[in-house]
Protein backbone atom coordinates (compact mmCIF):
# COMPACT_ATOMS: atom_id res chain seq x y z
CA UNK A 1 13.25 -19.37 0.26
CA UNK A 2 13.63 -23.01 1.25
CA UNK A 3 16.83 -23.37 -0.75
CA UNK A 4 18.47 -20.07 0.17
CA UNK A 5 18.63 -20.17 3.95
CA UNK A 6 18.03 -17.53 6.58
CA UNK A 7 20.45 -14.97 5.13
CA UNK A 8 18.25 -14.51 2.02
CA UNK A 9 15.33 -12.13 2.59
CA UNK A 10 12.27 -12.32 0.35
CA UNK A 11 10.19 -9.16 0.16
CA UNK A 12 6.73 -8.70 -1.30
CA UNK A 13 6.71 -6.41 -4.30
CA UNK A 14 2.95 -5.82 -4.15
CA UNK A 15 1.07 -4.40 -1.18
CA UNK A 16 -1.79 -6.87 -1.49
CA UNK A 17 0.59 -9.86 -1.19
CA UNK A 18 2.45 -8.75 1.96
CA UNK A 19 0.47 -10.88 4.39
CA UNK A 20 0.62 -14.07 2.29
CA UNK A 21 4.35 -13.57 1.64
CA UNK A 22 4.98 -13.13 5.38
CA UNK A 23 2.99 -16.29 6.04
CA UNK A 24 5.35 -18.37 3.90
CA UNK A 25 8.53 -16.87 5.32
CA UNK A 26 8.93 -13.48 3.65
CA UNK A 27 10.40 -10.64 5.66
CA UNK A 28 8.86 -7.42 4.39
CA UNK A 29 7.66 -5.34 1.47
CA UNK A 30 8.64 -2.71 -1.03
CA UNK A 31 5.40 -0.80 -0.61
CA UNK A 32 3.46 1.87 -2.47
CA UNK A 33 0.64 2.26 0.05
CA UNK A 34 3.20 2.89 2.81
CA UNK A 35 3.66 6.32 1.30
CA UNK A 36 0.04 7.03 2.27
CA UNK A 37 -0.60 4.91 5.38
CA UNK A 38 2.83 3.92 6.72
CA UNK A 39 1.67 3.36 10.28
CA UNK A 40 -0.94 0.78 9.26
CA UNK A 41 1.43 -1.18 7.01
CA UNK A 42 4.02 -1.24 9.79
CA UNK A 43 1.34 -2.24 12.30
CA UNK A 44 0.24 -5.12 10.07
CA UNK A 45 3.78 -6.45 9.81
CA UNK A 46 4.33 -5.96 13.56
CA UNK A 47 1.08 -7.78 14.34
CA UNK A 48 2.13 -10.68 12.14
CA UNK A 49 5.56 -10.78 13.77
CA UNK A 50 3.88 -10.78 17.20
CA UNK A 51 1.70 -13.73 16.20
CA UNK A 52 -1.51 -11.67 16.14
CA UNK A 53 -2.84 -12.95 12.82
CA UNK A 54 -6.36 -11.63 13.48
CA UNK A 55 -5.05 -8.07 13.83
CA UNK A 56 -2.74 -8.46 10.82
CA UNK A 57 -5.62 -9.81 8.74
CA UNK A 58 -7.90 -6.98 9.88
CA UNK A 59 -5.35 -4.35 8.92
CA UNK A 60 -4.80 -6.03 5.56
CA UNK A 61 -8.52 -5.95 4.78
CA UNK A 62 -8.85 -2.36 6.03
CA UNK A 63 -5.99 -1.19 3.77
CA UNK A 64 -7.06 -3.21 0.74
CA UNK A 65 -9.31 -0.56 -0.88
CA UNK A 66 -6.49 2.01 -0.67
CA UNK A 67 -4.05 -0.58 -2.04
CA UNK A 68 -6.38 -1.22 -4.97
CA UNK A 69 -6.87 2.49 -5.61
CA UNK A 70 -3.09 2.99 -5.77
CA UNK A 71 -3.05 0.83 -8.89
CA UNK A 72 -6.04 2.21 -10.77
CA UNK A 73 -3.45 3.70 -13.10
CA UNK A 74 0.29 3.39 -13.60
CA UNK A 75 2.38 3.80 -10.47
CA UNK A 76 3.31 6.43 -9.19
CA UNK A 77 0.43 8.48 -10.60
CA UNK A 78 -2.23 7.48 -8.04
CA UNK A 79 0.04 7.66 -4.99
CA UNK A 80 1.17 11.14 -5.99
CA UNK A 81 -2.46 12.16 -6.50
CA UNK A 82 -3.35 10.70 -3.09
CA UNK A 83 -0.53 12.52 -1.33
CA UNK A 84 -1.59 15.76 -3.03
CA UNK A 85 -5.22 15.22 -1.94
CA UNK A 86 -3.90 14.74 1.61
CA UNK A 87 -1.96 18.03 1.38
CA UNK A 88 1.43 16.30 1.67
CA UNK A 89 2.86 17.25 -1.74
CA UNK A 90 2.14 19.30 -4.83
CA UNK A 91 0.68 17.17 -7.60
CA UNK A 92 3.44 17.17 -10.21
CA UNK A 93 4.18 14.55 -12.85
CA UNK A 94 6.97 14.39 -15.38
CA UNK A 95 6.51 13.08 -18.90
CA UNK A 96 5.61 10.49 -19.97
CA UNK A 97 3.28 10.36 -16.93
CA UNK A 98 0.00 12.24 -17.07
CA UNK A 99 -2.81 12.98 -14.65
CA UNK A 100 -5.39 10.40 -13.65
CA UNK A 101 -8.67 10.10 -15.49
CA UNK A 102 -11.56 11.88 -13.80
CA UNK A 103 -13.31 8.57 -13.05
CA UNK A 104 -10.24 6.99 -11.42
CA UNK A 105 -9.46 10.20 -9.57
CA UNK A 106 -12.94 10.04 -8.01
CA UNK A 107 -12.43 6.37 -7.05
CA UNK A 108 -9.11 7.24 -5.40
CA UNK A 109 -10.66 10.19 -3.60
CA UNK A 110 -13.50 7.98 -2.34
CA UNK A 111 -11.09 5.35 -1.01
CA UNK A 112 -9.14 8.04 0.88
CA UNK A 113 -12.37 9.53 2.23
CA UNK A 114 -13.64 6.12 3.34
CA UNK A 115 -10.32 5.49 5.10
CA UNK A 116 -10.55 8.81 6.90
CA UNK A 117 -7.50 10.35 5.26
CA UNK A 118 -9.38 13.22 3.60
CA UNK A 119 -12.81 14.78 4.15
C-alpha cells in the first residue's frame, strides 16, 4: 500500500482481518459474513471511518463467532446453510459441494442463535 499510492485500494479477503486491514490503510472487504449480517459489517466499517474504534472493535468481537462459524467447512457451504436456517434461501448445493456435518451444523446453528438471528 505504501508503494502504490492512493489510487490502489487494498481489501481484506477474510472477515476476521477487516479491522486490522483498515487500521493499516485498507479500504474494505470481500466478505462472506456480510451475506448474513450485512448491517453489522457495514456499521463496523462506518465506525472505523468515523474514528470510533471502540464501536468498530465491539462490532468485530460481536461478529467473530459468526465469522468463525462461516468457515467450519468449505465456503460457501456454511453461509448457504446459515441463510437457509434464517429462512432467506433454500439449502441447495451443487457438486462437488455437500452438506455440513451434523456437528458443524449444530455449531453454526448455535452461533446464529447466540447472535439472535434464529430462535
